[in-house]
């Protein structure tokens, strides 16, 4: 979510995600956002989530698994209705 917060043009959507981060909720429902914000979130995930993870995640034994999960998340965006 932190990946998205600074990238979203919708300040209300960014505030919504920041609230989730601040309260350590760990996830959000895409459907809770406006259609425009949903499209923007999906576009940002597709365009840069995996690359950002590869560049910015610490070099640990868990990094490959985390990056694989990021790839799965991005792949799931292509299965959205």
Protein backbone atom coordinates (compact mmCIF):
# COMPACT_ATOMS: atom_id res chain seq x y z
CA UNK A 1 0.00 0.00 0.00
CA UNK A 2 2.85 2.35 0.71
CA UNK A 3 3.90 1.80 -2.90
CA UNK A 4 0.56 3.27 -4.00
CA UNK A 5 0.06 6.12 -1.52
CA UNK A 6 2.50 8.57 -3.11
CA UNK A 7 1.51 7.62 -6.62
CA UNK A 8 -2.25 8.10 -6.49
CA UNK A 9 -3.64 11.32 -7.90
CA UNK A 10 -6.77 10.95 -5.75
CA UNK A 11 -5.90 12.38 -2.35
CA UNK A 12 -8.96 10.71 -0.81
CA UNK A 13 -7.84 7.31 -2.09
CA UNK A 14 -4.31 7.97 -0.82
CA UNK A 15 -5.69 9.00 2.60
CA UNK A 16 -7.78 5.82 2.69
CA UNK A 17 -4.66 3.71 2.08
CA UNK A 18 -2.64 5.73 4.60
CA UNK A 19 -5.30 5.07 7.23
CA UNK A 20 -5.01 1.35 6.53
CA UNK A 21 -1.22 1.52 6.90
CA UNK A 22 -1.43 3.66 10.05
CA UNK A 23 -3.81 1.18 11.65
CA UNK A 24 -1.77 -1.82 10.48
CA UNK A 25 -4.76 -3.36 8.73
CA UNK A 26 -2.65 -4.89 5.98
CA UNK A 27 -5.18 -5.00 3.15
CA UNK A 28 -7.94 -3.10 1.41
CA UNK A 29 -10.84 -3.75 -0.91
CA UNK A 30 -10.35 -2.29 -4.36
CA UNK A 31 -14.14 -2.02 -4.65
CA UNK A 32 -14.13 0.54 -1.80
CA UNK A 33 -12.47 3.02 -4.13
CA UNK A 34 -13.96 5.09 -6.91
CA UNK A 35 -13.78 3.54 -10.40
CA UNK A 36 -11.12 6.08 -11.36
CA UNK A 37 -9.01 5.24 -8.31
CA UNK A 38 -9.47 1.52 -8.99
CA UNK A 39 -8.12 1.94 -12.52
CA UNK A 40 -5.21 4.01 -11.25
CA UNK A 41 -4.33 1.45 -8.57
CA UNK A 42 -4.38 -1.38 -11.10
CA UNK A 43 -2.28 0.63 -13.57
CA UNK A 44 0.34 1.43 -10.91
CA UNK A 45 0.47 -2.19 -9.75
CA UNK A 46 0.94 -3.43 -13.30
CA UNK A 47 3.48 -0.76 -14.23
CA UNK A 48 5.80 -0.82 -11.28
CA UNK A 49 5.06 -2.97 -8.25
CA UNK A 50 7.38 -5.86 -9.10
CA UNK A 51 10.21 -3.59 -10.23
CA UNK A 52 9.88 -1.52 -7.07
CA UNK A 53 9.96 -4.66 -4.95
CA UNK A 54 13.05 -5.93 -6.73
CA UNK A 55 14.81 -2.60 -6.24
CA UNK A 56 13.74 -1.63 -2.74
CA UNK A 57 13.12 -4.76 -0.70
CA UNK A 58 16.05 -5.71 1.53
CA UNK A 59 18.31 -8.49 0.31
CA UNK A 60 17.18 -11.36 2.52
CA UNK A 61 16.40 -15.03 2.00
CA UNK A 62 12.70 -14.07 1.90
CA UNK A 63 13.01 -11.54 -0.93
CA UNK A 64 12.51 -14.02 -3.80
CA UNK A 65 9.31 -15.32 -2.23
CA UNK A 66 7.99 -11.83 -1.59
CA UNK A 67 8.73 -10.78 -5.18
CA UNK A 68 6.95 -13.92 -6.39
CA UNK A 69 3.88 -12.88 -4.36
CA UNK A 70 4.06 -9.42 -5.91
CA UNK A 71 4.08 -11.06 -9.35
CA UNK A 72 1.00 -13.09 -8.36
CA UNK A 73 -0.77 -9.93 -7.22
CA UNK A 74 -0.06 -8.21 -10.51
CA UNK A 75 -1.19 -11.29 -12.44
CA UNK A 76 -4.45 -11.23 -10.48
CA UNK A 77 -5.15 -7.72 -11.80
CA UNK A 78 -5.52 -9.22 -15.27
CA UNK A 79 -8.30 -11.47 -14.00
CA UNK A 80 -10.43 -8.62 -12.66
CA UNK A 81 -13.92 -8.26 -14.13
